[in-house]
């Protein structure tokens, strides 16, 4: 299993095609300028030592060297062995509303992005607890099965938007029922569901679903995102309108979210811009009895970065040794 300890450096790989494309554009405009002076072949005769192919060889070698250097910076590792890992903690399923109403901008930059930021910060604080993610609008989907891989959780989280669920609506009840089924077989005591939603336009019976979860020993918490005054919903450069052409205003339905939390034996919190509400909920979950989980994972990773650095160094040296002038021995053929 290949693993990158500093995976964020991999974004620098986008520079490789940019460098090659940039050099191509430079060559194109250079030829254009040469043509403006006169006959292209005559100009070439005036620069007998200039080698066009060598320029491409150098830029490709440089781009390859940069790619290997970036991969080295990302610290590729290979798992040396599988070990059984035991940990104690809770299992937390987060149900995130991704309906269009979550685009309202009564939070910065909007409700959905603010919720994603709060979940990401939560993942940074977790240690041995397991986390899972369900996204829902008109229907729910398991975006991330229950896991302790917080890095993967943040990567899955970053890709979420209101198009992630094609059917619009707010099926809170279905999301809770799916969360109940998504806990691991090892979990029996320390289980919690956290619903993040504006609670508006629910299409099922979320209170009954929360009551069923509580009967199974699962606490259901709710975080209300939005304001009672309401906000319009930005959509495709304008504002979302109904069939009559009126601007749709989305308002927080606190009453429903309070009833869900009460039925689920949890608590309701109104999210703020500064304190979103996840921290006090997690503090309450940690007061529950920890369960022991067993998992098999790779340990004793072998570092591989030095090989990529060595290849990058070799390519950089070769690139510098290749001059810009034609070789008298015609190593690169006739230019």
Protein backbone atom coordinates (compact mmCIF):
# COMPACT_ATOMS: atom_id res chain seq x y z
CA UNK A 1 0.00 0.00 0.00
CA UNK A 2 1.44 3.32 -1.10
CA UNK A 3 0.81 6.24 1.24
CA UNK A 4 1.84 9.90 0.99
CA UNK A 5 2.65 11.44 4.37
CA UNK A 6 2.59 15.00 2.95
CA UNK A 7 0.04 14.53 0.17
CA UNK A 8 -0.68 18.28 -0.18
CA UNK A 9 2.63 18.72 -2.02
CA UNK A 10 1.18 16.62 -4.87
CA UNK A 11 -0.83 19.66 -5.97
CA UNK A 12 2.49 21.08 -7.22
CA UNK A 13 2.40 18.45 -9.99
CA UNK A 14 0.02 20.77 -11.83
CA UNK A 15 3.12 22.89 -12.54
CA UNK A 16 4.54 20.17 -14.83
CA UNK A 17 2.05 20.55 -17.73
CA UNK A 18 2.01 24.32 -17.17
CA UNK A 19 5.81 24.51 -17.65
CA UNK A 20 5.70 22.38 -20.83
CA UNK A 21 2.75 24.33 -22.24
CA UNK A 22 4.42 27.63 -21.34
CA UNK A 23 7.58 26.63 -23.18
CA UNK A 24 5.51 25.62 -26.20
CA UNK A 25 3.83 29.03 -26.28
CA UNK A 26 7.21 30.73 -25.92
CA UNK A 27 8.55 28.77 -28.92
CA UNK A 28 5.45 29.65 -30.93
CA UNK A 29 5.76 33.39 -30.30
CA UNK A 30 9.52 33.21 -30.92
CA UNK A 31 8.92 31.73 -34.37
CA UNK A 32 6.32 34.39 -34.99
CA UNK A 33 8.83 37.13 -34.19
CA UNK A 34 11.46 35.48 -36.44
CA UNK A 35 9.01 35.48 -39.35
CA UNK A 36 8.45 39.20 -38.83
CA UNK A 37 12.19 39.79 -39.51
CA UNK A 38 12.15 37.98 -42.83
CA UNK A 39 12.58 34.51 -44.29
CA UNK A 40 12.65 31.91 -41.48
CA UNK A 41 15.30 29.74 -43.16
CA UNK A 42 17.54 32.75 -43.71
CA UNK A 43 17.27 33.71 -40.02
CA UNK A 44 18.19 30.12 -39.08
CA UNK A 45 21.30 30.39 -41.25
CA UNK A 46 22.28 33.48 -39.26
CA UNK A 47 22.08 31.38 -36.05
CA UNK A 48 23.86 28.15 -37.08
CA UNK A 49 24.61 27.06 -33.52
CA UNK A 50 21.00 27.29 -32.25
CA UNK A 51 19.36 23.90 -31.57
CA UNK A 52 15.57 23.73 -31.41
CA UNK A 53 15.22 20.07 -30.34
CA UNK A 54 17.67 20.57 -27.47
CA UNK A 55 15.33 23.18 -26.02
CA UNK A 56 12.50 20.64 -25.89
CA UNK A 57 14.80 17.99 -24.43
CA UNK A 58 15.86 20.35 -21.65
CA UNK A 59 12.36 21.50 -20.72
CA UNK A 60 11.03 17.92 -20.67
CA UNK A 61 13.93 16.79 -18.48
CA UNK A 62 13.34 19.75 -16.17
CA UNK A 63 9.61 18.98 -15.94
CA UNK A 64 10.30 15.31 -15.18
CA UNK A 65 12.87 16.25 -12.56
CA UNK A 66 10.37 18.61 -10.95
CA UNK A 67 7.71 15.87 -10.93
CA UNK A 68 10.02 13.40 -9.16
CA UNK A 69 11.12 16.12 -6.73
CA UNK A 70 7.50 16.95 -5.84
CA UNK A 71 6.66 13.26 -5.31
CA UNK A 72 9.68 13.06 -3.02
CA UNK A 73 8.42 16.06 -1.04
CA UNK A 74 5.09 14.26 -0.58
CA UNK A 75 7.03 11.48 1.23
CA UNK A 76 5.76 8.27 -0.41
CA UNK A 77 5.73 5.37 2.02
CA UNK A 78 5.03 1.65 1.74
CA UNK A 79 3.45 -0.31 4.58
CA UNK A 80 5.87 -2.95 5.75
CA UNK A 81 3.47 -5.11 7.72
CA UNK A 82 -0.10 -5.50 8.90
CA UNK A 83 -0.78 -5.18 12.62
CA UNK A 84 -3.89 -5.42 14.75
CA UNK A 85 -4.69 -2.06 16.29
CA UNK A 86 -6.91 -1.64 19.36
CA UNK A 87 -8.48 1.67 20.30
CA UNK A 88 -11.18 3.02 22.57
CA UNK A 89 -13.69 5.65 21.57
CA UNK A 90 -17.10 6.32 20.10
CA UNK A 91 -18.64 5.99 16.66
CA UNK A 92 -20.09 9.18 15.21
CA UNK A 93 -22.18 9.33 12.04
CA UNK A 94 -22.57 12.87 10.70
CA UNK A 95 -25.59 13.51 8.46
CA UNK A 96 -24.97 16.63 6.38
CA UNK A 97 -27.76 18.40 4.51
CA UNK A 98 -26.66 19.27 0.95
CA UNK A 99 -29.97 20.59 -0.37
CA UNK A 100 -30.03 23.87 -2.30
CA UNK A 101 -31.17 25.78 0.79
CA UNK A 102 -27.70 25.16 2.27
CA UNK A 103 -26.34 27.66 -0.29
CA UNK A 104 -27.93 30.55 1.62
CA UNK A 105 -25.32 33.08 2.69
CA UNK A 106 -26.38 33.85 6.28
CA UNK A 107 -23.05 32.18 7.16
CA UNK A 108 -19.68 32.92 5.59
CA UNK A 109 -19.27 31.96 2.79
CA UNK A 110 -22.54 29.95 2.91
CA UNK A 111 -24.26 27.38 5.12
CA UNK A 112 -22.79 24.30 3.44
CA UNK A 113 -19.17 25.52 3.29
CA UNK A 114 -19.35 26.66 6.91
CA UNK A 115 -20.63 23.21 7.94
CA UNK A 116 -17.87 21.48 5.95
CA UNK A 117 -15.24 23.66 7.64
CA UNK A 118 -16.59 22.72 11.09
CA UNK A 119 -16.51 18.99 10.25
CA UNK A 120 -12.97 19.33 8.91
CA UNK A 121 -11.81 21.01 12.12
CA UNK A 122 -13.54 18.26 14.09
CA UNK A 123 -11.57 15.60 12.17
CA UNK A 124 -8.35 17.38 13.19
CA UNK A 125 -9.27 16.98 16.87
CA UNK A 126 -10.41 13.34 16.86
CA UNK A 127 -8.00 10.62 17.97
CA UNK A 128 -9.44 7.14 18.47
CA UNK A 129 -13.09 7.88 17.71
CA UNK A 130 -14.56 6.61 14.45
CA UNK A 131 -16.37 8.94 12.11
CA UNK A 132 -18.67 8.41 9.14
CA UNK A 133 -20.42 10.82 6.79
CA UNK A 134 -23.85 10.69 5.18
CA UNK A 135 -25.00 13.40 2.80
CA UNK A 136 -28.67 13.91 2.08
CA UNK A 137 -31.17 16.06 0.26
CA UNK A 138 -34.23 14.26 -1.16
CA UNK A 139 -32.38 10.96 -0.60
CA UNK A 140 -29.39 10.04 1.61
CA UNK A 141 -26.06 8.50 0.56
CA UNK A 142 -23.13 7.16 2.57
CA UNK A 143 -20.30 9.44 1.49
CA UNK A 144 -17.78 7.88 3.90
CA UNK A 145 -18.22 4.59 5.81
CA UNK A 146 -17.29 4.59 9.49
CA UNK A 147 -13.51 4.97 9.79
CA UNK A 148 -10.57 6.35 11.76
CA UNK A 149 -8.92 7.56 8.55
CA UNK A 150 -9.43 11.26 9.17
CA UNK A 151 -7.32 12.27 6.16
CA UNK A 152 -9.66 10.39 3.81
CA UNK A 153 -12.62 11.91 5.65
CA UNK A 154 -11.36 15.42 4.88
CA UNK A 155 -10.68 14.51 1.24
CA UNK A 156 -14.22 13.15 0.78
CA UNK A 157 -15.59 16.21 2.55
CA UNK A 158 -13.86 18.64 0.20
CA UNK A 159 -15.65 17.17 -2.84
CA UNK A 160 -19.17 17.63 -1.45
CA UNK A 161 -21.54 20.19 -2.98
CA UNK A 162 -25.27 20.56 -3.59
CA UNK A 163 -24.95 18.50 -6.79
CA UNK A 164 -23.65 15.49 -4.85
CA UNK A 165 -27.26 14.32 -4.35
CA UNK A 166 -29.35 14.67 -7.54
CA UNK A 167 -32.77 14.56 -5.82
CA UNK A 168 -33.65 17.79 -3.99
CA UNK A 169 -35.53 17.89 -0.69
CA UNK A 170 -34.67 17.35 2.98
CA UNK A 171 -35.14 13.68 3.92
CA UNK A 172 -33.84 13.91 7.50
CA UNK A 173 -35.68 10.78 8.61
CA UNK A 174 -34.20 8.64 5.83
CA UNK A 175 -30.73 9.99 6.65
CA UNK A 176 -31.13 8.97 10.31
CA UNK A 177 -32.33 5.49 9.34
CA UNK A 178 -29.36 5.04 6.99
CA UNK A 179 -27.00 6.22 9.75
CA UNK A 180 -28.44 3.59 12.12
CA UNK A 181 -27.54 0.88 9.60
CA UNK A 182 -24.06 2.32 8.98
CA UNK A 183 -22.52 1.73 12.40
CA UNK A 184 -20.00 -1.13 12.62
CA UNK A 185 -20.86 -4.50 14.09
CA UNK A 186 -18.37 -3.85 16.91
CA UNK A 187 -20.30 -0.83 18.17
CA UNK A 188 -23.07 -1.32 20.73
CA UNK A 189 -22.83 1.47 23.31
CA UNK A 190 -21.02 4.64 22.28
CA UNK A 191 -22.92 5.57 19.14
CA UNK A 192 -24.17 8.99 18.11
CA UNK A 193 -25.76 10.61 15.07
CA UNK A 194 -25.21 14.32 14.39
CA UNK A 195 -27.66 15.90 11.93
CA UNK A 196 -26.53 19.21 10.40
CA UNK A 197 -29.40 20.88 8.55
CA UNK A 198 -31.66 23.91 8.31
CA UNK A 199 -34.49 21.46 8.99
CA UNK A 200 -36.67 22.98 6.29
CA UNK A 201 -39.09 21.08 4.01
CA UNK A 202 -38.58 17.67 5.63
CA UNK A 203 -40.38 15.01 3.59
CA UNK A 204 -40.66 12.13 6.09
CA UNK A 205 -40.95 11.56 9.83
CA UNK A 206 -37.52 12.40 11.31
CA UNK A 207 -38.88 12.42 14.88
CA UNK A 208 -39.98 8.79 14.59
CA UNK A 209 -36.58 7.86 13.10
CA UNK A 210 -34.79 9.61 15.98
CA UNK A 211 -37.01 7.79 18.50
CA UNK A 212 -36.11 4.44 16.89
CA UNK A 213 -32.40 5.32 17.13
CA UNK A 214 -32.78 6.16 20.83
CA UNK A 215 -34.48 2.80 21.47
CA UNK A 216 -31.34 1.16 20.01
CA UNK A 217 -29.08 3.14 22.35
CA UNK A 218 -28.02 5.67 19.72
CA UNK A 219 -28.12 9.38 20.62
CA UNK A 220 -29.28 11.82 17.97
CA UNK A 221 -27.99 15.41 18.06
CA UNK A 222 -29.07 18.20 15.73
CA UNK A 223 -27.29 21.39 14.65
CA UNK A 224 -29.48 24.07 13.11
CA UNK A 225 -27.87 26.03 10.29
CA UNK A 226 -29.57 29.24 9.23
CA UNK A 227 -31.63 32.09 10.61
CA UNK A 228 -35.28 32.49 11.50
CA UNK A 229 -35.49 35.63 9.33
CA UNK A 230 -34.42 33.61 6.29
CA UNK A 231 -32.16 34.23 3.32
CA UNK A 232 -32.57 33.92 -0.46
CA UNK A 233 -30.75 31.07 -2.21
CA UNK A 234 -28.06 32.04 -4.78
CA UNK A 235 -28.45 29.97 -7.93
CA UNK A 236 -26.66 30.24 -11.30
CA UNK A 237 -25.72 33.90 -10.97
CA UNK A 238 -29.10 34.95 -9.60
CA UNK A 239 -31.57 33.94 -6.88
CA UNK A 240 -33.68 30.79 -6.77
CA UNK A 241 -37.32 31.44 -7.66
CA UNK A 242 -40.47 29.33 -7.42
CA UNK A 243 -42.85 28.48 -10.28
CA UNK A 244 -44.65 31.81 -9.86
CA UNK A 245 -41.37 33.73 -10.19
CA UNK A 246 -41.14 34.68 -6.50
CA UNK A 247 -37.75 34.63 -4.78
CA UNK A 248 -37.44 31.59 -2.51
CA UNK A 249 -36.43 32.44 1.07
CA UNK A 250 -35.09 29.62 3.24
CA UNK A 251 -35.66 29.78 7.01
CA UNK A 252 -34.32 27.69 9.86
CA UNK A 253 -36.91 25.27 11.25
CA UNK A 254 -35.70 25.09 14.85
CA UNK A 255 -38.91 23.52 16.14
CA UNK A 256 -38.45 20.36 14.06
CA UNK A 257 -34.76 20.05 14.90
CA UNK A 258 -35.50 20.42 18.62
CA UNK A 259 -38.11 17.66 18.42
CA UNK A 260 -35.65 15.35 16.60
CA UNK A 261 -32.98 15.89 19.26
CA UNK A 262 -35.48 15.39 22.11
CA UNK A 263 -36.77 12.14 20.58
CA UNK A 264 -33.19 10.95 20.01
CA UNK A 265 -32.06 11.66 23.57
CA UNK A 266 -29.47 14.16 22.37
CA UNK A 267 -29.43 17.95 22.22
CA UNK A 268 -30.14 20.74 19.75
CA UNK A 269 -27.63 23.53 19.07
CA UNK A 270 -28.06 26.57 16.85
CA UNK A 271 -24.84 26.93 14.85
CA UNK A 272 -22.99 30.21 15.08
CA UNK A 273 -20.37 31.66 12.75
CA UNK A 274 -17.68 31.38 15.42
CA UNK A 275 -18.77 28.33 17.45
CA UNK A 276 -20.58 26.04 15.03
CA UNK A 277 -21.80 23.64 17.69
CA UNK A 278 -19.88 20.43 17.05
CA UNK A 279 -17.43 20.87 19.95
CA UNK A 280 -19.98 20.77 22.79
CA UNK A 281 -21.68 17.79 21.15
CA UNK A 282 -18.38 15.90 20.90
CA UNK A 283 -17.64 16.76 24.56
CA UNK A 284 -20.98 15.20 25.49
CA UNK A 285 -20.29 12.11 23.36
CA UNK A 286 -16.93 11.62 25.05
CA UNK A 287 -18.70 11.33 28.39
CA UNK A 288 -20.31 8.15 27.07
CA UNK A 289 -18.71 4.79 27.84
CA UNK A 290 -15.84 4.17 25.43
CA UNK A 291 -15.89 0.99 23.37
CA UNK A 292 -12.87 -1.02 22.30
CA UNK A 293 -12.42 -1.36 18.56
CA UNK A 294 -10.09 -3.70 16.70
CA UNK A 295 -8.77 -2.95 13.24
CA UNK A 296 -6.01 -4.18 10.98
CA UNK A 297 -3.69 -1.51 9.62
CA UNK A 298 -0.27 -0.99 8.05
CA UNK A 299 2.53 0.04 10.37
CA UNK A 300 6.29 0.56 10.13
CA UNK A 301 6.12 2.42 6.84
CA UNK A 302 9.24 2.33 4.66
CA UNK A 303 10.19 5.79 3.38
CA UNK A 304 10.65 5.97 -0.40
CA UNK A 305 11.30 9.71 -0.87
CA UNK A 306 15.08 9.35 -1.23
CA UNK A 307 14.72 7.38 -4.49
CA UNK A 308 12.57 10.08 -6.04
CA UNK A 309 15.00 12.79 -4.92
CA UNK A 310 17.89 10.81 -6.46
CA UNK A 311 16.09 10.51 -9.81
CA UNK A 312 15.19 14.21 -9.70
CA UNK A 313 18.83 15.17 -9.00
CA UNK A 314 20.06 13.00 -11.87
CA UNK A 315 17.57 14.57 -14.28
CA UNK A 316 18.46 18.10 -13.13
CA UNK A 317 22.18 17.38 -13.71
CA UNK A 318 21.54 15.94 -17.19
CA UNK A 319 19.35 18.92 -18.04
CA UNK A 320 22.12 21.36 -17.03
CA UNK A 321 24.78 19.43 -18.99
CA UNK A 322 22.78 19.65 -22.20
CA UNK A 323 23.74 22.97 -23.77
CA UNK A 324 21.59 25.18 -25.93
CA UNK A 325 23.92 24.95 -28.94
CA UNK A 326 24.16 22.25 -31.56
CA UNK A 327 26.57 19.43 -30.92
CA UNK A 328 29.40 19.21 -33.38
CA UNK A 329 29.15 15.41 -33.24
CA UNK A 330 25.47 15.54 -34.27
CA UNK A 331 24.39 13.55 -31.22
CA UNK A 332 20.85 14.90 -31.55
CA UNK A 333 20.72 14.56 -35.32
CA UNK A 334 20.46 17.30 -37.91
CA UNK A 335 18.71 20.40 -36.48
